[in-house]
Amino acid sequence: MSVRVTLIHNPAAGRQCAGEATQLHNFLSVAGHEVRYQSAKEDGWKRALKKPADLIVVAGGDGTVAKVTRRMVGRGVPVAVLPSGTANNIARTLGLVERPFEELVRGWERPRRVKLDVGIAAGPWGERYFVESVGAGLFAGVLASPSRKELKKGKKGKAAVESALRRLREAALRCESLEVTAALDGRDISGRYLLLEAVNLPYVGPNLHLAHDSQPGDGQFDVVLVTEAERERLLYYLEHWQENRERIGMLPTRRGRRLQIEWTGFALHIDDKLLPKAKAKPKEIAGLVEARIDGAAVEFLVPA
C-alpha cells in the first residue's frame, strides 16, 4: 500500500539533492510514495496541507519547517524533514543533519516517532504558535535591522551562518539593555536584559546551542537571560562557541512552562515574525504577552 505524501518544498533553500522540484518528486516516487508536490513559495501551500495525506514531507530550512509545523498542530498527520536550509535547527534537534536523503527516506518505514512541542505566544495580536523561540533584546533587534535582508543576499550554508554570527556579535557590542517586567511560572524575573529569549529547541538562530538540556516534547522551554553585567560573557560565547562546543560556559538559563512579559512596544519576535507590525494600531503594541507550553505538539518521523 503506497503512502500518500504531500511534499512542501522551498526551492530557494540550498542543498545539492534538494535543488529541483522534479528531482525531489522523482526521488520520493521511486521510494514507493504517492507524491503531491507543492512549492512553499506559492500561495497554495496552506491548501495543500489540508488535502488527505499520510505524511507531510518538508524539504527546506527552519523557516519552511516551522511554518508547516505550526499548521499541523492538532491534525494528527506526521511530518518528516529533508533538511536543506542554512541553520537547520529543527532538523539538528531531531538528529537529521548530515544524513543522506536516501537514508532518511528509507528510515520512514520503521521510524521513531518524536513529539515536538509547539509553544503558544499570546498578546494583543491574539495567539500564534511558535517552534523555535520568542524573545526580546538582541535577537529581536537584529531581526528589526533594515540591513538584515541585504546582508543575507547571495549567502548560503556556512557562509550564511557565519554572516549571521557576525551580525549578532556586532549588535551585541552596542545594543542597549532593555528594562523588562516579566515572570516565569509565577516567579518574578524582571530586570534589565541584553537578551531575554524563551527557546523551545536546543539550537536557535545561526546554530547557537543555547539550551543544552532541551529535549523535543519535554513540556518546557529554556529562558535565556543575559544582563548588562554579562555582556562580555555573551560576546565571548558568540565568538567562540562553535570552535569549543563542549567546554564553553553556557549563558544563564532557567526552565519553565509559562513566561509572562509586560510589553510596552519594544521589538519582540515570535520565531521569525517581528512585532510590532509597521502599521500596528496603538492597542496592538502594548499589553501582557505570554509564551507557554501547554500540550500542543506535532509528531515527526525520525529514522532509528
C-alpha atoms as a PDB file:
ATOM      1  CA  MET A   1       0.000   0.000   0.000  1.00  0.00           C
ATOM      2  CA  SER A   2       1.530   3.307  -1.088  1.00  0.00           C
ATOM      3  CA  VAL A   3       1.918   6.203   1.317  1.00  0.00           C
ATOM      4  CA  ARG A   4       0.223   9.464   0.310  1.00  0.00           C
ATOM      5  CA  VAL A   5       2.878  12.144   0.702  1.00  0.00           C
ATOM      6  CA  THR A   6       2.399  15.884   0.482  1.00  0.00           C
ATOM      7  CA  LEU A   7       5.801  17.371  -0.304  1.00  0.00           C
ATOM      8  CA  ILE A   8       6.292  21.006   0.711  1.00  0.00           C
ATOM      9  CA  HIS A   9       9.494  22.249  -0.918  1.00  0.00           C
ATOM     10  CA  ASN A  10      11.337  25.535  -0.601  1.00  0.00           C
ATOM     11  CA  PRO A  11      13.148  25.868  -3.942  1.00  0.00           C
ATOM     12  CA  ALA A  12      15.255  28.728  -2.554  1.00  0.00           C
ATOM     13  CA  ALA A  13      16.899  26.544   0.111  1.00  0.00           C
ATOM     14  CA  GLY A  14      20.360  25.319  -0.801  1.00  0.00           C
ATOM     15  CA  ARG A  15      21.435  21.685  -0.723  1.00  0.00           C
ATOM     16  CA  GLN A  16      22.622  19.525  -3.624  1.00  0.00           C
ATOM     17  CA  CYS A  17      19.792  16.972  -3.562  1.00  0.00           C
ATOM     18  CA  ALA A  18      17.013  19.457  -2.915  1.00  0.00           C
ATOM     19  CA  GLY A  19      17.646  21.968  -5.677  1.00  0.00           C
ATOM     20  CA  GLU A  20      14.986  20.917  -8.173  1.00  0.00           C
ATOM     21  CA  ALA A  21      11.320  20.081  -7.679  1.00  0.00           C
ATOM     22  CA  THR A  22      11.384  17.315 -10.294  1.00  0.00           C
ATOM     23  CA  GLN A  23      14.340  15.588  -8.670  1.00  0.00           C
ATOM     24  CA  LEU A  24      12.641  15.537  -5.282  1.00  0.00           C
ATOM     25  CA  HIS A  25       9.331  14.333  -6.706  1.00  0.00           C
ATOM     26  CA  ASN A  26      11.036  11.518  -8.598  1.00  0.00           C
ATOM     27  CA  PHE A  27      13.192  10.647  -5.609  1.00  0.00           C
ATOM     28  CA  LEU A  28      10.138  10.044  -3.395  1.00  0.00           C
ATOM     29  CA  SER A  29       8.148   8.331  -6.156  1.00  0.00           C
ATOM     30  CA  VAL A  30      10.924   5.806  -6.729  1.00  0.00           C
ATOM     31  CA  ALA A  31      10.805   5.066  -2.986  1.00  0.00           C
ATOM     32  CA  GLY A  32       7.190   3.949  -3.492  1.00  0.00           C
ATOM     33  CA  HIS A  33       5.331   7.041  -2.313  1.00  0.00           C
ATOM     34  CA  GLU A  34       2.336   8.691  -3.963  1.00  0.00           C
ATOM     35  CA  VAL A  35       3.557  12.289  -4.086  1.00  0.00           C
ATOM     36  CA  ARG A  36       1.705  15.602  -4.267  1.00  0.00           C
ATOM     37  CA  TYR A  37       4.222  18.426  -4.776  1.00  0.00           C
ATOM     38  CA  GLN A  38       3.743  21.978  -3.544  1.00  0.00           C
ATOM     39  CA  SER A  39       6.227  24.850  -3.570  1.00  0.00           C
ATOM     40  CA  ALA A  40       6.453  26.651  -0.228  1.00  0.00           C
ATOM     41  CA  LYS A  41       6.945  29.873  -2.190  1.00  0.00           C
ATOM     42  CA  GLU A  42       3.473  29.700  -3.745  1.00  0.00           C
ATOM     43  CA  ASP A  43       0.174  30.620  -2.096  1.00  0.00           C
ATOM     44  CA  GLY A  44      -1.229  27.100  -2.397  1.00  0.00           C
ATOM     45  CA  TRP A  45       0.957  25.538   0.312  1.00  0.00           C
ATOM     46  CA  LYS A  46      -1.635  26.108   3.053  1.00  0.00           C
ATOM     47  CA  ARG A  47      -4.387  24.488   0.979  1.00  0.00           C
ATOM     48  CA  ALA A  48      -2.068  21.583   0.144  1.00  0.00           C
ATOM     49  CA  LEU A  49      -1.694  20.765   3.844  1.00  0.00           C
ATOM     50  CA  LYS A  50      -5.483  20.344   4.149  1.00  0.00           C
ATOM     51  CA  LYS A  51      -5.682  17.656   1.476  1.00  0.00           C
ATOM     52  CA  PRO A  52      -5.718  13.971   2.517  1.00  0.00           C
ATOM     53  CA  ALA A  53      -2.222  12.664   3.256  1.00  0.00           C
ATOM     54  CA  ASP A  54      -0.496  10.015   5.345  1.00  0.00           C
ATOM     55  CA  LEU A  55       2.718  12.009   5.683  1.00  0.00           C
ATOM     56  CA  ILE A  56       3.854  15.601   5.205  1.00  0.00           C
ATOM     57  CA  VAL A  57       7.432  15.873   3.932  1.00  0.00           C
ATOM     58  CA  VAL A  58       9.180  19.237   4.208  1.00  0.00           C
ATOM     59  CA  ALA A  59      12.256  19.898   2.071  1.00  0.00           C
ATOM     60  CA  GLY A  60      13.678  23.192   3.240  1.00  0.00           C
ATOM     61  CA  GLY A  61      15.178  25.082   6.141  1.00  0.00           C
ATOM     62  CA  ASP A  62      13.899  26.203   9.520  1.00  0.00           C
ATOM     63  CA  GLY A  63      11.539  28.845   8.162  1.00  0.00           C
ATOM     64  CA  THR A  64       9.746  26.342   5.945  1.00  0.00           C
ATOM     65  CA  VAL A  65       9.720  23.545   8.538  1.00  0.00           C
ATOM     66  CA  ALA A  66       8.427  25.900  11.237  1.00  0.00           C
ATOM     67  CA  LYS A  67       5.585  27.350   9.175  1.00  0.00           C
ATOM     68  CA  VAL A  68       4.428  23.862   8.180  1.00  0.00           C
ATOM     69  CA  THR A  69       4.734  22.635  11.782  1.00  0.00           C
ATOM     70  CA  ARG A  70       2.577  25.492  13.061  1.00  0.00           C
ATOM     71  CA  ARG A  71      -0.130  24.500  10.566  1.00  0.00           C
ATOM     72  CA  MET A  72      -0.004  20.806  11.529  1.00  0.00           C
ATOM     73  CA  VAL A  73      -0.839  21.192  15.230  1.00  0.00           C
ATOM     74  CA  GLY A  74      -3.863  19.045  16.024  1.00  0.00           C
ATOM     75  CA  ARG A  75      -4.023  17.498  12.557  1.00  0.00           C
ATOM     76  CA  GLY A  76      -2.839  14.006  13.507  1.00  0.00           C
ATOM     77  CA  VAL A  77      -0.619  13.631  10.417  1.00  0.00           C
ATOM     78  CA  PRO A  78       3.125  13.082  10.993  1.00  0.00           C
ATOM     79  CA  VAL A  79       5.827  15.257   9.470  1.00  0.00           C
ATOM     80  CA  ALA A  80       9.206  14.244   8.043  1.00  0.00           C
ATOM     81  CA  VAL A  81      12.068  16.592   7.168  1.00  0.00           C
ATOM     82  CA  LEU A  82      14.633  16.620   4.383  1.00  0.00           C
ATOM     83  CA  PRO A  83      16.883  19.405   5.737  1.00  0.00           C
ATOM     84  CA  SER A  84      18.133  21.758   3.051  1.00  0.00           C
ATOM     85  CA  GLY A  85      18.373  25.137   4.723  1.00  0.00           C
ATOM     86  CA  THR A  86      21.095  27.208   6.329  1.00  0.00           C
ATOM     87  CA  ALA A  87      20.954  26.539  10.068  1.00  0.00           C
ATOM     88  CA  ASN A  88      18.564  23.546  10.109  1.00  0.00           C
ATOM     89  CA  ASN A  89      17.991  23.946  13.853  1.00  0.00           C
ATOM     90  CA  ILE A  90      14.820  21.849  13.879  1.00  0.00           C
ATOM     91  CA  ALA A  91      16.398  19.050  11.856  1.00  0.00           C
ATOM     92  CA  ARG A  92      19.516  19.204  14.053  1.00  0.00           C
ATOM     93  CA  THR A  93      17.357  18.859  17.158  1.00  0.00           C
ATOM     94  CA  LEU A  94      15.815  15.718  15.630  1.00  0.00           C
ATOM     95  CA  GLY A  95      19.212  14.268  14.645  1.00  0.00           C
ATOM     96  CA  LEU A  96      18.628  14.571  10.893  1.00  0.00           C
ATOM     97  CA  VAL A  97      21.544  16.767   9.824  1.00  0.00           C
ATOM     98  CA  GLU A  98      24.425  15.303   7.782  1.00  0.00           C
ATOM     99  CA  ARG A  99      22.456  12.171   6.940  1.00  0.00           C
ATOM    100  CA  PRO A 100      21.903  11.315   3.254  1.00  0.00           C
ATOM    101  CA  PHE A 101      18.375  11.843   1.971  1.00  0.00           C
ATOM    102  CA  GLU A 102      18.281   8.189   0.878  1.00  0.00           C
ATOM    103  CA  GLU A 103      18.895   7.100   4.478  1.00  0.00           C
ATOM    104  CA  LEU A 104      16.233   9.438   5.816  1.00  0.00           C
ATOM    105  CA  VAL A 105      13.589   8.250   3.340  1.00  0.00           C
ATOM    106  CA  ARG A 106      14.365   4.563   3.988  1.00  0.00           C
ATOM    107  CA  GLY A 107      14.107   5.250   7.699  1.00  0.00           C
ATOM    108  CA  TRP A 108      10.494   6.392   7.403  1.00  0.00           C
ATOM    109  CA  GLU A 109       9.448   2.734   7.018  1.00  0.00           C
ATOM    110  CA  ARG A 110      10.243   1.908  10.669  1.00  0.00           C
ATOM    111  CA  PRO A 111      10.873   5.257  12.326  1.00  0.00           C
ATOM    112  CA  ARG A 112      10.976   6.607  15.818  1.00  0.00           C
ATOM    113  CA  ARG A 113       8.001   8.901  16.331  1.00  0.00           C
ATOM    114  CA  VAL A 114       9.131  12.040  18.128  1.00  0.00           C
ATOM    115  CA  LYS A 115       6.731  14.599  19.575  1.00  0.00           C
ATOM    116  CA  LEU A 116       7.967  18.174  19.200  1.00  0.00           C
ATOM    117  CA  ASP A 117       6.384  20.744  21.496  1.00  0.00           C
ATOM    118  CA  VAL A 118       4.812  23.743  19.787  1.00  0.00           C
ATOM    119  CA  GLY A 119       4.509  26.798  22.001  1.00  0.00           C
ATOM    120  CA  ILE A 120       1.793  29.435  22.040  1.00  0.00           C
ATOM    121  CA  ALA A 121       2.564  33.155  22.136  1.00  0.00           C
ATOM    122  CA  ALA A 122      -0.442  35.238  23.170  1.00  0.00           C
ATOM    123  CA  GLY A 123      -0.707  39.012  23.236  1.00  0.00           C
ATOM    124  CA  PRO A 124      -2.627  41.999  21.853  1.00  0.00           C
ATOM    125  CA  TRP A 125      -2.407  40.376  18.400  1.00  0.00           C
ATOM    126  CA  GLY A 126      -4.208  37.215  19.562  1.00  0.00           C
ATOM    127  CA  GLU A 127      -2.444  33.843  19.654  1.00  0.00           C
ATOM    128  CA  ARG A 128       0.290  32.432  17.454  1.00  0.00           C
ATOM    129  CA  TYR A 129       2.171  29.137  17.569  1.00  0.00           C
ATOM    130  CA  PHE A 130       5.961  29.143  17.793  1.00  0.00           C
ATOM    131  CA  VAL A 131       8.502  26.378  17.204  1.00  0.00           C
ATOM    132  CA  GLU A 132      11.942  27.887  17.843  1.00  0.00           C
ATOM    133  CA  SER A 133      11.771  30.848  20.220  1.00  0.00           C
ATOM    134  CA  VAL A 134      10.108  34.013  21.485  1.00  0.00           C
ATOM    135  CA  GLY A 135      12.131  36.899  22.800  1.00  0.00           C
ATOM    136  CA  ALA A 136      13.236  40.493  23.152  1.00  0.00           C
ATOM    137  CA  GLY A 137      16.582  42.221  23.099  1.00  0.00           C
ATOM    138  CA  LEU A 138      19.484  41.151  20.897  1.00  0.00           C
ATOM    139  CA  PHE A 139      17.801  38.651  18.542  1.00  0.00           C
ATOM    140  CA  ALA A 140      14.714  40.803  18.016  1.00  0.00           C
ATOM    141  CA  GLY A 141      16.934  43.825  17.406  1.00  0.00           C
ATOM    142  CA  VAL A 142      18.863  42.033  14.674  1.00  0.00           C
ATOM    143  CA  LEU A 143      15.608  40.886  13.055  1.00  0.00           C
ATOM    144  CA  ALA A 144      14.445  44.505  13.073  1.00  0.00           C
ATOM    145  CA  SER A 145      17.624  45.755  11.382  1.00  0.00           C
ATOM    146  CA  PRO A 146      16.859  47.354   7.972  1.00  0.00           C
ATOM    147  CA  SER A 147      20.077  45.871   6.541  1.00  0.00           C
ATOM    148  CA  ARG A 148      19.307  42.258   7.523  1.00  0.00           C
ATOM    149  CA  LYS A 149      17.855  41.148   4.176  1.00  0.00           C
ATOM    150  CA  GLU A 150      20.544  42.960   2.216  1.00  0.00           C
ATOM    151  CA  LEU A 151      23.302  41.229   4.186  1.00  0.00           C
ATOM    152  CA  LYS A 152      21.717  37.804   3.565  1.00  0.00           C
ATOM    153  CA  LYS A 153      21.711  38.133  -0.231  1.00  0.00           C
ATOM    154  CA  GLY A 154      23.834  35.581  -2.033  1.00  0.00           C
ATOM    155  CA  LYS A 155      24.843  33.722   1.137  1.00  0.00           C
ATOM    156  CA  LYS A 156      24.059  30.076   1.818  1.00  0.00           C
ATOM    157  CA  GLY A 157      25.217  27.322   4.122  1.00  0.00           C
ATOM    158  CA  LYS A 158      28.250  28.007   6.305  1.00  0.00           C
ATOM    159  CA  ALA A 159      28.750  31.493   4.832  1.00  0.00           C
ATOM    160  CA  ALA A 160      25.219  32.483   5.846  1.00  0.00           C
ATOM    161  CA  VAL A 161      25.698  31.127   9.390  1.00  0.00           C
ATOM    162  CA  GLU A 162      28.992  32.994   9.768  1.00  0.00           C
ATOM    163  CA  SER A 163      27.412  36.180   8.430  1.00  0.00           C
ATOM    164  CA  ALA A 164      24.574  35.896  10.956  1.00  0.00           C
ATOM    165  CA  LEU A 165      27.050  35.331  13.798  1.00  0.00           C
ATOM    166  CA  ARG A 166      28.989  38.437  12.761  1.00  0.00           C
ATOM    167  CA  ARG A 167      25.789  40.494  12.801  1.00  0.00           C
ATOM    168  CA  LEU A 168      24.938  39.201  16.270  1.00  0.00           C
ATOM    169  CA  ARG A 169      28.429  39.977  17.593  1.00  0.00           C
ATOM    170  CA  GLU A 170      28.349  43.489  16.145  1.00  0.00           C
ATOM    171  CA  ALA A 171      24.899  44.093  17.600  1.00  0.00           C
ATOM    172  CA  ALA A 172      25.930  42.663  20.994  1.00  0.00           C
ATOM    173  CA  LEU A 173      28.769  45.195  21.200  1.00  0.00           C
ATOM    174  CA  ARG A 174      26.485  48.204  21.024  1.00  0.00           C
ATOM    175  CA  CYS A 175      22.927  47.137  21.918  1.00  0.00           C
ATOM    176  CA  GLU A 176      21.359  48.754  24.957  1.00  0.00           C
ATOM    177  CA  SER A 177      19.870  46.712  27.757  1.00  0.00           C
ATOM    178  CA  LEU A 178      16.091  46.618  27.952  1.00  0.00           C
ATOM    179  CA  GLU A 179      14.026  47.096  31.092  1.00  0.00           C
ATOM    180  CA  VAL A 180      11.610  44.164  31.213  1.00  0.00           C
ATOM    181  CA  THR A 181       8.901  43.301  33.714  1.00  0.00           C
ATOM    182  CA  ALA A 182       8.481  39.535  33.484  1.00  0.00           C
ATOM    183  CA  ALA A 183       7.602  36.366  35.376  1.00  0.00           C
ATOM    184  CA  LEU A 184       8.431  32.705  34.731  1.00  0.00           C
ATOM    185  CA  ASP A 185       5.922  30.226  36.146  1.00  0.00           C
ATOM    186  CA  GLY A 186       4.810  32.944  38.555  1.00  0.00           C
ATOM    187  CA  ARG A 187       8.339  33.823  39.754  1.00  0.00           C
ATOM    188  CA  ASP A 188       9.484  37.402  39.177  1.00  0.00           C
ATOM    189  CA  ILE A 189      12.430  37.635  36.760  1.00  0.00           C
ATOM    190  CA  SER A 190      12.171  41.354  35.989  1.00  0.00           C
ATOM    191  CA  GLY A 191      15.372  43.204  35.166  1.00  0.00           C
ATOM    192  CA  ARG A 192      17.465  44.930  32.516  1.00  0.00           C
ATOM    193  CA  TYR A 193      18.453  42.467  29.804  1.00  0.00           C
ATOM    194  CA  LEU A 194      20.526  42.456  26.655  1.00  0.00           C
ATOM    195  CA  LEU A 195      18.787  39.209  25.767  1.00  0.00           C
ATOM    196  CA  LEU A 196      15.614  37.586  27.053  1.00  0.00           C
ATOM    197  CA  GLU A 197      14.760  34.547  24.969  1.00  0.00           C
ATOM    198  CA  ALA A 198      12.371  31.641  25.563  1.00  0.00           C
ATOM    199  CA  VAL A 199      13.835  28.842  23.440  1.00  0.00           C
ATOM    200  CA  ASN A 200      11.935  25.668  22.591  1.00  0.00           C
ATOM    201  CA  LEU A 201      14.836  23.889  20.864  1.00  0.00           C
ATOM    202  CA  PRO A 202      18.463  23.234  21.824  1.00  0.00           C
ATOM    203  CA  TYR A 203      19.581  25.235  18.763  1.00  0.00           C
ATOM    204  CA  VAL A 204      18.305  28.621  17.602  1.00  0.00           C
ATOM    205  CA  GLY A 205      19.389  31.328  15.186  1.00  0.00           C
ATOM    206  CA  PRO A 206      22.722  30.597  13.457  1.00  0.00           C
ATOM    207  CA  ASN A 207      23.109  27.195  15.176  1.00  0.00           C
ATOM    208  CA  LEU A 208      23.554  28.699  18.636  1.00  0.00           C
ATOM    209  CA  HIS A 209      23.377  25.881  21.183  1.00  0.00           C
ATOM    210  CA  LEU A 210      21.592  27.866  23.895  1.00  0.00           C
ATOM    211  CA  ALA A 211      19.646  25.091  25.639  1.00  0.00           C
ATOM    212  CA  HIS A 212      21.790  22.010  26.262  1.00  0.00           C
ATOM    213  CA  ASP A 213      19.159  20.245  28.358  1.00  0.00           C
ATOM    214  CA  SER A 214      16.250  20.813  25.987  1.00  0.00           C
ATOM    215  CA  GLN A 215      14.557  17.723  24.550  1.00  0.00           C
ATOM    216  CA  PRO A 216      11.712  17.531  21.996  1.00  0.00           C
ATOM    217  CA  GLY A 217       8.441  17.016  23.814  1.00  0.00           C
ATOM    218  CA  ASP A 218       9.780  17.687  27.320  1.00  0.00           C
ATOM    219  CA  GLY A 219       6.966  20.135  28.029  1.00  0.00           C
ATOM    220  CA  GLN A 220       9.226  23.056  28.936  1.00  0.00           C
ATOM    221  CA  PHE A 221      11.295  25.780  27.339  1.00  0.00           C
ATOM    222  CA  ASP A 222      14.561  27.387  28.432  1.00  0.00           C
ATOM    223  CA  VAL A 223      14.610  31.123  29.121  1.00  0.00           C
ATOM    224  CA  VAL A 224      17.999  32.687  28.388  1.00  0.00           C
ATOM    225  CA  LEU A 225      18.623  35.800  30.497  1.00  0.00           C
ATOM    226  CA  VAL A 226      21.674  37.960  29.754  1.00  0.00           C
ATOM    227  CA  THR A 227      22.162  41.182  31.731  1.00  0.00           C
ATOM    228  CA  GLU A 228      24.416  44.167  31.042  1.00  0.00           C
ATOM    229  CA  ALA A 229      26.942  42.736  33.513  1.00  0.00           C
ATOM    230  CA  GLU A 230      27.215  39.635  31.318  1.00  0.00           C
ATOM    231  CA  ARG A 231      27.868  41.435  28.017  1.00  0.00           C
ATOM    232  CA  GLU A 232      31.479  40.188  27.835  1.00  0.00           C
ATOM    233  CA  ARG A 233      30.307  36.646  28.509  1.00  0.00           C
ATOM    234  CA  LEU A 234      27.784  36.970  25.678  1.00  0.00           C
ATOM    235  CA  LEU A 235      30.434  38.322  23.292  1.00  0.00           C
ATOM    236  CA  TYR A 236      32.838  35.518  24.196  1.00  0.00           C
ATOM    237  CA  TYR A 237      30.094  32.960  23.641  1.00  0.00           C
ATOM    238  CA  LEU A 238      29.198  34.339  20.211  1.00  0.00           C
ATOM    239  CA  GLU A 239      32.879  34.440  19.237  1.00  0.00           C
ATOM    240  CA  HIS A 240      33.991  31.006  20.403  1.00  0.00           C
ATOM    241  CA  TRP A 241      31.138  28.586  20.973  1.00  0.00           C
ATOM    242  CA  GLN A 242      31.337  26.799  17.596  1.00  0.00           C
ATOM    243  CA  GLU A 243      35.046  26.060  17.917  1.00  0.00           C
ATOM    244  CA  ASN A 244      34.720  24.906  21.532  1.00  0.00           C
ATOM    245  CA  ARG A 245      31.228  23.432  21.654  1.00  0.00           C
ATOM    246  CA  GLU A 246      31.583  21.100  24.629  1.00  0.00           C
ATOM    247  CA  ARG A 247      33.654  23.132  27.085  1.00  0.00           C
ATOM    248  CA  ILE A 248      32.444  26.700  26.682  1.00  0.00           C
ATOM    249  CA  GLY A 249      30.373  28.057  29.562  1.00  0.00           C
ATOM    250  CA  MET A 250      26.677  28.345  28.838  1.00  0.00           C
ATOM    251  CA  LEU A 251      24.668  31.534  29.057  1.00  0.00           C
ATOM    252  CA  PRO A 252      22.355  31.867  32.101  1.00  0.00           C
ATOM    253  CA  THR A 253      19.087  29.965  31.630  1.00  0.00           C
ATOM    254  CA  ARG A 254      16.015  28.963  33.602  1.00  0.00           C
ATOM    255  CA  ARG A 255      13.480  26.292  32.692  1.00  0.00           C
ATOM    256  CA  GLY A 256       9.745  26.804  32.734  1.00  0.00           C
ATOM    257  CA  ARG A 257       6.381  26.443  31.001  1.00  0.00           C
ATOM    258  CA  ARG A 258       4.888  29.941  31.122  1.00  0.00           C
ATOM    259  CA  LEU A 259       6.666  33.252  30.526  1.00  0.00           C
ATOM    260  CA  GLN A 260       4.750  36.498  31.010  1.00  0.00           C
ATOM    261  CA  ILE A 261       6.089  39.858  29.821  1.00  0.00           C
ATOM    262  CA  GLU A 262       4.638  43.340  30.247  1.00  0.00           C
ATOM    263  CA  TRP A 263       5.058  44.544  26.676  1.00  0.00           C
ATOM    264  CA  THR A 264       5.443  48.280  26.093  1.00  0.00           C
ATOM    265  CA  GLY A 265       6.032  48.143  22.343  1.00  0.00           C
ATOM    266  CA  PHE A 266       9.727  47.206  22.249  1.00  0.00           C
ATOM    267  CA  ALA A 267      10.893  44.898  19.446  1.00  0.00           C
ATOM    268  CA  LEU A 268       9.671  41.354  20.047  1.00  0.00           C
ATOM    269  CA  HIS A 269       9.934  38.287  17.849  1.00  0.00           C
ATOM    270  CA  ILE A 270       7.944  35.055  17.595  1.00  0.00           C
ATOM    271  CA  ASP A 271      10.084  32.675  15.540  1.00  0.00           C
ATOM    272  CA  ASP A 272      10.921  34.842  12.500  1.00  0.00           C
ATOM    273  CA  LYS A 273       7.909  37.164  12.886  1.00  0.00           C
ATOM    274  CA  LEU A 274       8.786  40.620  14.219  1.00  0.00           C
ATOM    275  CA  LEU A 275       6.432  42.704  16.354  1.00  0.00           C
ATOM    276  CA  PRO A 276       5.044  45.295  16.478  1.00  0.00           C
ATOM    277  CA  LYS A 277       3.938  45.428  12.874  1.00  0.00           C
ATOM    278  CA  ALA A 278       4.938  48.539  10.941  1.00  0.00           C
ATOM    279  CA  LYS A 279       1.331  49.771  10.776  1.00  0.00           C
ATOM    280  CA  ALA A 280       0.141  48.424  14.116  1.00  0.00           C
ATOM    281  CA  LYS A 281      -2.575  50.318  15.959  1.00  0.00           C
ATOM    282  CA  PRO A 282      -1.723  51.692  19.440  1.00  0.00           C
ATOM    283  CA  LYS A 283      -3.826  48.991  21.139  1.00  0.00           C
ATOM    284  CA  GLU A 284      -1.765  46.320  19.319  1.00  0.00           C
ATOM    285  CA  ILE A 285       1.625  47.363  20.704  1.00  0.00           C
ATOM    286  CA  ALA A 286       1.179  47.207  24.461  1.00  0.00           C
ATOM    287  CA  GLY A 287      -0.144  44.726  26.996  1.00  0.00           C
ATOM    288  CA  LEU A 288       0.560  41.364  28.546  1.00  0.00           C
ATOM    289  CA  VAL A 289       2.457  38.877  26.378  1.00  0.00           C
ATOM    290  CA  GLU A 290       2.502  35.222  27.390  1.00  0.00           C
ATOM    291  CA  ALA A 291       4.597  32.419  25.912  1.00  0.00           C
ATOM    292  CA  ARG A 292       3.609  28.967  27.111  1.00  0.00           C
ATOM    293  CA  ILE A 293       3.940  25.247  26.512  1.00  0.00           C
ATOM    294  CA  ASP A 294       0.620  23.559  27.228  1.00  0.00           C
ATOM    295  CA  GLY A 295       0.463  20.292  25.326  1.00  0.00           C
ATOM    296  CA  ALA A 296       0.385  21.299  21.660  1.00  0.00           C
ATOM    297  CA  ALA A 297       2.772  19.121  19.664  1.00  0.00           C
ATOM    298  CA  VAL A 298       3.473  17.704  16.218  1.00  0.00           C
ATOM    299  CA  GLU A 299       4.772  14.191  15.551  1.00  0.00           C
ATOM    300  CA  PHE A 300       7.923  13.829  13.442  1.00  0.00           C
ATOM    301  CA  LEU A 301       9.239  10.669  11.812  1.00  0.00           C
ATOM    302  CA  VAL A 302      12.908  10.158  12.701  1.00  0.00           C
ATOM    303  CA  PRO A 303      14.913   7.236  11.281  1.00  0.00           C
ATOM    304  CA  ALA A 304      16.118   4.967  14.074  1.00  0.00           C
END
